[in-house]
Each structure stands twice: as C-alpha cells, then as structure tokens.
Amino acid sequence: MGPGADKERTQEIIQFFATILFIAFLVISAFDHRFGWLHVPFYIVILDNILVTLGFFDSFSFSEKTLLHPQSSK
C-alpha cells in the first residue's frame, strides 16, 4: 500500500500526487469547516448525502456480485 508499493515509475508518480491531493482535500475541508468559507444550501447537502449513500450501496452490490459470484452459470 502507498506510494512505495508500485513497481512502475509512472504509477509511483501518479500515486504520489494522488496522496498529496487527498491530504490537501482533507486539510482544506477542515479549514473550511473551521472558518466557514463556503455556505452551501441545505438542500444541496441533503442531495449530496443521498447521492453518496446510493453510490455506497451501488458499489457494495457490485462488489458482492463480482466477488461472491465471479462466474454465474445459466
């Protein structure tokens, strides 16, 4: 896991930048929450929570179908 896990140089570079961006998103969102930079309407927050929940259940059902039943015979 992490930036050192990949053997190809291009994958290491991509993983490094992805890690940096992920950490930056966490830091910026924490500062935004603390200082109140953005004011998002309540209905957007609810819509976002619904979409995230649907995405979670969709990915769970996808992984359940592919991992538990990799070959379905008819």
Protein backbone atom coordinates (compact mmCIF):
# COMPACT_ATOMS: atom_id res chain seq x y z
CA MET A 1 0.00 0.00 0.00
CA GLY A 2 1.05 3.57 -0.51
CA PRO A 3 3.40 5.26 -2.92
CA GLY A 4 6.18 2.69 -2.50
CA ALA A 5 4.01 -0.33 -3.37
CA ASP A 6 4.03 0.15 -7.16
CA LYS A 7 6.94 -1.08 -9.24
CA GLU A 8 6.48 1.16 -12.28
CA ARG A 9 7.82 4.69 -12.07
CA THR A 10 4.77 6.31 -13.68
CA GLN A 11 2.46 4.57 -11.21
CA GLU A 12 4.62 5.76 -8.33
CA ILE A 13 4.36 9.36 -9.56
CA ILE A 14 0.60 9.11 -10.03
CA GLN A 15 0.17 7.56 -6.58
CA PHE A 16 2.34 10.25 -5.00
CA PHE A 17 0.25 13.09 -6.46
CA ALA A 18 -2.99 11.30 -5.60
CA THR A 19 -1.83 11.00 -1.99
CA ILE A 20 -0.84 14.68 -1.84
CA LEU A 21 -4.20 15.74 -3.32
CA PHE A 22 -6.11 13.53 -0.86
CA ILE A 23 -4.28 15.07 2.10
CA ALA A 24 -4.85 18.57 0.68
CA PHE A 25 -8.59 17.88 0.35
CA LEU A 26 -8.72 16.82 3.99
CA VAL A 27 -6.80 19.87 5.21
CA ILE A 28 -8.74 22.35 3.08
CA SER A 29 -12.10 20.88 4.08
CA ALA A 30 -11.09 21.07 7.76
CA PHE A 31 -10.14 24.74 7.39
CA ASP A 32 -13.37 25.39 5.50
CA HIS A 33 -15.39 23.84 8.31
CA ARG A 34 -13.47 25.77 10.96
CA PHE A 35 -13.59 29.20 9.29
CA GLY A 36 -16.88 28.84 7.40
CA TRP A 37 -15.56 29.85 3.98
CA LEU A 38 -18.33 28.19 1.96
CA HIS A 39 -22.05 28.36 2.64
CA VAL A 40 -23.82 25.50 0.88
CA PRO A 41 -27.64 25.48 0.82
CA PHE A 42 -29.25 22.81 2.97
CA TYR A 43 -30.98 21.07 0.03
CA ILE A 44 -27.59 20.61 -1.70
CA VAL A 45 -26.22 18.97 1.46
CA ILE A 46 -29.19 16.58 1.61
CA LEU A 47 -28.92 15.78 -2.11
CA ASP A 48 -25.20 15.11 -1.71
CA ASN A 49 -25.79 12.78 1.23
CA ILE A 50 -28.40 10.86 -0.77
CA LEU A 51 -26.05 10.50 -3.75
CA VAL A 52 -23.16 9.34 -1.56
CA THR A 53 -25.42 6.77 0.11
CA LEU A 54 -26.69 5.48 -3.24
CA GLY A 55 -23.12 5.26 -4.51
CA PHE A 56 -22.11 3.30 -1.41
CA PHE A 57 -24.91 0.78 -1.86
CA ASP A 58 -24.23 0.53 -5.59
CA SER A 59 -20.55 -0.23 -5.04
CA PHE A 60 -21.45 -2.75 -2.33
CA SER A 61 -23.86 -4.59 -4.60
CA PHE A 62 -21.31 -4.53 -7.43
CA SER A 63 -18.56 -5.99 -5.25
CA GLU A 64 -20.98 -8.56 -3.82
CA LYS A 65 -21.93 -9.74 -7.30
CA THR A 66 -18.37 -9.94 -8.60
CA LEU A 67 -16.62 -11.26 -5.50
CA LEU A 68 -19.15 -13.80 -4.27
CA HIS A 69 -20.32 -14.97 -7.68
CA PRO A 70 -17.48 -14.46 -10.13
CA GLN A 71 -18.92 -16.90 -12.71
CA SER A 72 -22.63 -17.28 -12.99
CA SER A 73 -23.73 -20.40 -14.82
CA LYS A 74 -27.07 -20.42 -16.58
